[in-house]
Amino acid sequence: MIAVIRSELYRTLSIRSSWVSLAGTIALAMVFGFLSADFWSLFAGLGAFGIAVVTTSAHYQHRTAVLLFLGRPRRLAVLAGQCVAAVLIAVALAVISGFTFIGGQESKQFTGTLIAVPMIALFGVANATLVRRPLWLFVGYISFITFVEGLLGQLKDPWPFTSFLDAAGGKPEGLLKFTLWTVLAMAGAIWSIRRDLSGD
């Protein structure tokens, strides 16, 4: 698993487009963080989710999953390594983009976000392993957040991203609900990673 973690981190940090994505995520989170700590949590979470989805699904999009699984036949160990790598990147992004909140009036929001961000990174890895198509995931979740969580639920119902925002705000019930969403997604990923790759 250590080799998978090293490989995933190296792959993420050695590609120019990844650096652009990382820098863009940090910049957006910092800019919107000046407006509100809630906005910072939102963009830190969305950035962690997006990067986890892109890095995980890249193996399926670029047809390197076959080579990965030939070299590492224990697929659950591969999934675990991808999860650890995504969590490390997500936490680093959150700390860098939210350093202005450390020790300030929004320290509760900072702490809550640091606790919730690893969960949303795991949620992203699980979704990417299950769906394997980043465009489908992004379009689907943007639509879901806009219409179901936003317009219909008014960001009050216990849907995934609403639960994440509650967790980032320091609400224990929000963290519990989002943990359940993550466990559900991870269960799907554990089943999905055993699927044949020929149809992807």
Protein backbone atom coordinates (compact mmCIF):
# COMPACT_ATOMS: atom_id res chain seq x y z
CA MET A 1 0.00 0.00 0.00
CA ILE A 2 2.91 2.36 0.74
CA ALA A 3 4.04 2.01 -2.88
CA VAL A 4 0.56 2.94 -4.09
CA ILE A 5 0.50 6.03 -1.85
CA ARG A 6 3.92 7.14 -3.12
CA SER A 7 2.87 6.52 -6.71
CA GLU A 8 -0.40 8.44 -6.37
CA LEU A 9 1.27 11.39 -4.67
CA TYR A 10 4.07 11.47 -7.23
CA ARG A 11 1.60 11.27 -10.11
CA THR A 12 -0.51 14.07 -8.67
CA LEU A 13 2.39 16.37 -7.86
CA SER A 14 4.43 15.78 -11.03
CA ILE A 15 1.80 16.71 -13.62
CA ARG A 16 1.48 20.37 -14.59
CA SER A 17 -2.31 20.25 -14.88
CA SER A 18 -2.48 18.90 -11.33
CA TRP A 19 -0.48 21.86 -10.07
CA VAL A 20 -2.86 24.21 -11.88
CA SER A 21 -5.83 22.46 -10.26
CA LEU A 22 -4.22 22.56 -6.82
CA ALA A 23 -3.25 26.22 -7.14
CA GLY A 24 -6.70 27.14 -8.45
CA THR A 25 -8.39 25.34 -5.59
CA ILE A 26 -6.21 27.07 -3.00
CA ALA A 27 -6.71 30.48 -4.63
CA LEU A 28 -10.50 30.13 -4.83
CA ALA A 29 -10.76 28.92 -1.24
CA MET A 30 -8.58 31.79 0.00
CA VAL A 31 -10.42 34.47 -2.00
CA PHE A 32 -13.86 33.32 -0.92
CA GLY A 33 -12.53 32.77 2.59
CA PHE A 34 -12.15 36.53 2.92
CA LEU A 35 -15.90 36.83 2.38
CA SER A 36 -16.93 34.10 4.79
CA ALA A 37 -15.48 31.10 6.59
CA ASP A 38 -18.44 29.10 5.28
CA PHE A 39 -17.39 29.90 1.71
CA TRP A 40 -13.86 28.76 2.52
CA SER A 41 -15.18 25.46 3.85
CA LEU A 42 -17.33 25.03 0.76
CA PHE A 43 -14.49 25.58 -1.70
CA ALA A 44 -11.99 23.59 0.37
CA GLY A 45 -14.46 20.70 0.38
CA LEU A 46 -15.37 20.96 -3.29
CA GLY A 47 -11.69 21.21 -4.19
CA ALA A 48 -10.81 18.14 -2.14
CA PHE A 49 -13.69 16.23 -3.69
CA GLY A 50 -12.82 17.32 -7.24
CA ILE A 51 -9.12 16.51 -6.98
CA ALA A 52 -9.88 13.11 -5.43
CA VAL A 53 -12.28 12.34 -8.27
CA VAL A 54 -9.88 13.44 -11.01
CA THR A 55 -6.81 11.65 -9.65
CA THR A 56 -8.69 8.42 -8.96
CA SER A 57 -10.67 8.27 -12.19
CA ALA A 58 -7.59 9.15 -14.29
CA HIS A 59 -6.51 5.50 -14.12
CA TYR A 60 -9.75 4.46 -15.79
CA GLN A 61 -9.82 7.34 -18.27
CA HIS A 62 -6.21 6.87 -19.40
CA ARG A 63 -6.38 3.07 -19.40
CA THR A 64 -3.62 2.74 -16.80
CA ALA A 65 -5.89 0.86 -14.39
CA VAL A 66 -5.04 -2.44 -16.10
CA LEU A 67 -1.31 -1.89 -15.55
CA LEU A 68 -1.95 -0.71 -12.00
CA PHE A 69 -3.94 -3.81 -11.10
CA LEU A 70 -1.48 -6.13 -12.85
CA GLY A 71 1.31 -4.66 -10.77
CA ARG A 72 -0.83 -4.50 -7.64
CA PRO A 73 -3.35 -7.36 -7.86
CA ARG A 74 -4.72 -6.68 -4.37
CA ARG A 75 -7.28 -4.14 -5.48
CA LEU A 76 -8.51 -3.27 -1.99
CA ALA A 77 -4.94 -2.30 -1.06
CA VAL A 78 -4.88 -0.06 -4.15
CA LEU A 79 -8.15 1.56 -3.07
CA ALA A 80 -6.79 2.08 0.44
CA GLY A 81 -3.63 3.69 -0.96
CA GLN A 82 -5.66 6.01 -3.17
CA CYS A 83 -7.75 6.99 -0.15
CA VAL A 84 -4.70 7.83 1.96
CA ALA A 85 -3.13 9.87 -0.86
CA ALA A 86 -6.37 11.80 -1.43
CA VAL A 87 -6.70 12.54 2.29
CA LEU A 88 -3.12 13.83 2.52
CA ILE A 89 -3.63 16.17 -0.43
CA ALA A 90 -7.02 17.34 0.85
CA VAL A 91 -5.70 18.16 4.32
CA ALA A 92 -2.70 20.01 2.86
CA LEU A 93 -5.01 22.08 0.65
CA ALA A 94 -7.28 22.92 3.56
CA VAL A 95 -4.41 23.95 5.83
CA ILE A 96 -2.71 26.10 3.18
CA SER A 97 -5.89 27.82 2.02
CA GLY A 98 -7.27 28.34 5.52
CA PHE A 99 -4.18 29.33 7.48
CA THR A 100 -5.70 32.78 8.15
CA PHE A 101 -8.38 31.14 10.31
CA ILE A 102 -5.89 29.43 12.64
CA GLY A 103 -6.32 30.78 16.16
CA GLY A 104 -8.82 33.44 15.08
CA GLN A 105 -12.53 33.87 15.64
CA GLU A 106 -13.24 31.21 13.03
CA SER A 107 -11.02 28.57 14.63
CA LYS A 108 -14.07 26.34 15.22
CA GLN A 109 -14.85 26.46 11.50
CA PHE A 110 -11.21 25.72 10.68
CA THR A 111 -11.14 22.71 13.00
CA GLY A 112 -14.48 21.42 11.74
CA THR A 113 -13.35 21.74 8.14
CA LEU A 114 -10.07 19.93 8.83
CA ILE A 115 -12.09 17.07 10.31
CA ALA A 116 -14.60 16.99 7.44
CA VAL A 117 -12.21 17.45 4.51
CA PRO A 118 -10.63 13.97 4.79
CA MET A 119 -14.13 12.51 4.70
CA ILE A 120 -15.04 14.32 1.49
CA ALA A 121 -11.75 13.19 -0.06
CA LEU A 122 -12.71 9.59 0.76
CA PHE A 123 -16.17 10.30 -0.64
CA GLY A 124 -14.57 11.52 -3.88
CA VAL A 125 -12.32 8.46 -4.22
CA ALA A 126 -15.27 6.16 -3.57
CA ASN A 127 -17.49 7.89 -6.13
CA ALA A 128 -14.74 7.88 -8.76
CA THR A 129 -14.10 4.18 -8.18
CA LEU A 130 -17.80 3.45 -8.49
CA VAL A 131 -18.64 5.62 -11.53
CA ARG A 132 -15.18 5.83 -13.21
CA ARG A 133 -16.24 8.79 -15.37
CA PRO A 134 -15.33 12.20 -13.87
CA LEU A 135 -17.51 14.18 -16.27
CA TRP A 136 -20.57 12.14 -15.33
CA LEU A 137 -19.81 12.68 -11.65
CA PHE A 138 -19.27 16.42 -11.94
CA VAL A 139 -22.35 17.04 -14.07
CA GLY A 140 -24.42 14.78 -11.85
CA TYR A 141 -23.32 16.34 -8.59
CA ILE A 142 -23.52 19.92 -9.84
CA SER A 143 -27.10 19.26 -10.89
CA PHE A 144 -27.85 17.44 -7.63
CA ILE A 145 -26.38 20.19 -5.45
CA THR A 146 -28.15 22.93 -7.40
CA PHE A 147 -31.61 21.44 -7.72
CA VAL A 148 -32.00 18.83 -4.99
CA GLU A 149 -29.81 20.10 -2.15
CA GLY A 150 -30.12 23.81 -2.95
CA LEU A 151 -33.54 24.53 -4.43
CA LEU A 152 -35.57 21.66 -2.98
CA GLY A 153 -33.72 20.99 0.26
CA GLN A 154 -32.67 24.61 0.94
CA LEU A 155 -29.38 23.16 2.22
CA LYS A 156 -31.25 21.76 5.23
CA ASP A 157 -31.95 18.15 4.29
CA PRO A 158 -29.30 15.53 5.19
CA TRP A 159 -27.86 15.16 1.67
CA PRO A 160 -24.10 14.63 1.18
CA PHE A 161 -22.82 18.16 0.60
CA THR A 162 -25.27 19.74 3.03
CA SER A 163 -24.05 17.27 5.65
CA PHE A 164 -20.45 18.16 4.78
CA LEU A 165 -21.14 21.87 5.33
CA ASP A 166 -22.78 21.11 8.67
CA ALA A 167 -19.79 18.97 9.65
CA ALA A 168 -17.38 21.72 8.58
CA GLY A 169 -19.32 24.14 10.76
CA GLY A 170 -18.62 21.97 13.78
CA LYS A 171 -21.99 20.23 14.06
CA PRO A 172 -21.57 16.63 15.29
CA GLU A 173 -24.81 15.47 13.66
CA GLY A 174 -23.57 16.80 10.32
CA LEU A 175 -20.33 14.85 10.69
CA LEU A 176 -22.27 11.71 11.57
CA LYS A 177 -24.55 12.06 8.54
CA PHE A 178 -21.66 12.73 6.18
CA THR A 179 -19.74 9.80 7.64
CA LEU A 180 -22.72 7.58 6.80
CA TRP A 181 -22.76 8.91 3.22
CA THR A 182 -19.03 8.21 2.94
CA VAL A 183 -19.39 4.69 4.33
CA LEU A 184 -22.21 4.02 1.86
CA ALA A 185 -20.11 5.30 -1.06
CA MET A 186 -17.08 3.33 0.12
CA ALA A 187 -19.14 0.14 0.27
CA GLY A 188 -20.05 0.73 -3.37
CA ALA A 189 -16.39 1.36 -4.21
CA ILE A 190 -15.28 -1.88 -2.54
CA TRP A 191 -17.75 -3.75 -4.71
CA SER A 192 -16.95 -1.73 -7.85
CA ILE A 193 -13.17 -2.04 -7.75
CA ARG A 194 -13.52 -5.78 -8.35
CA ARG A 195 -15.43 -5.17 -11.59
CA ASP A 196 -13.98 -6.07 -14.96
CA LEU A 197 -12.21 -3.20 -16.72
CA SER A 198 -13.11 -4.23 -20.27
CA GLY A 199 -16.23 -2.07 -20.36
CA ASP A 200 -14.46 1.14 -19.31
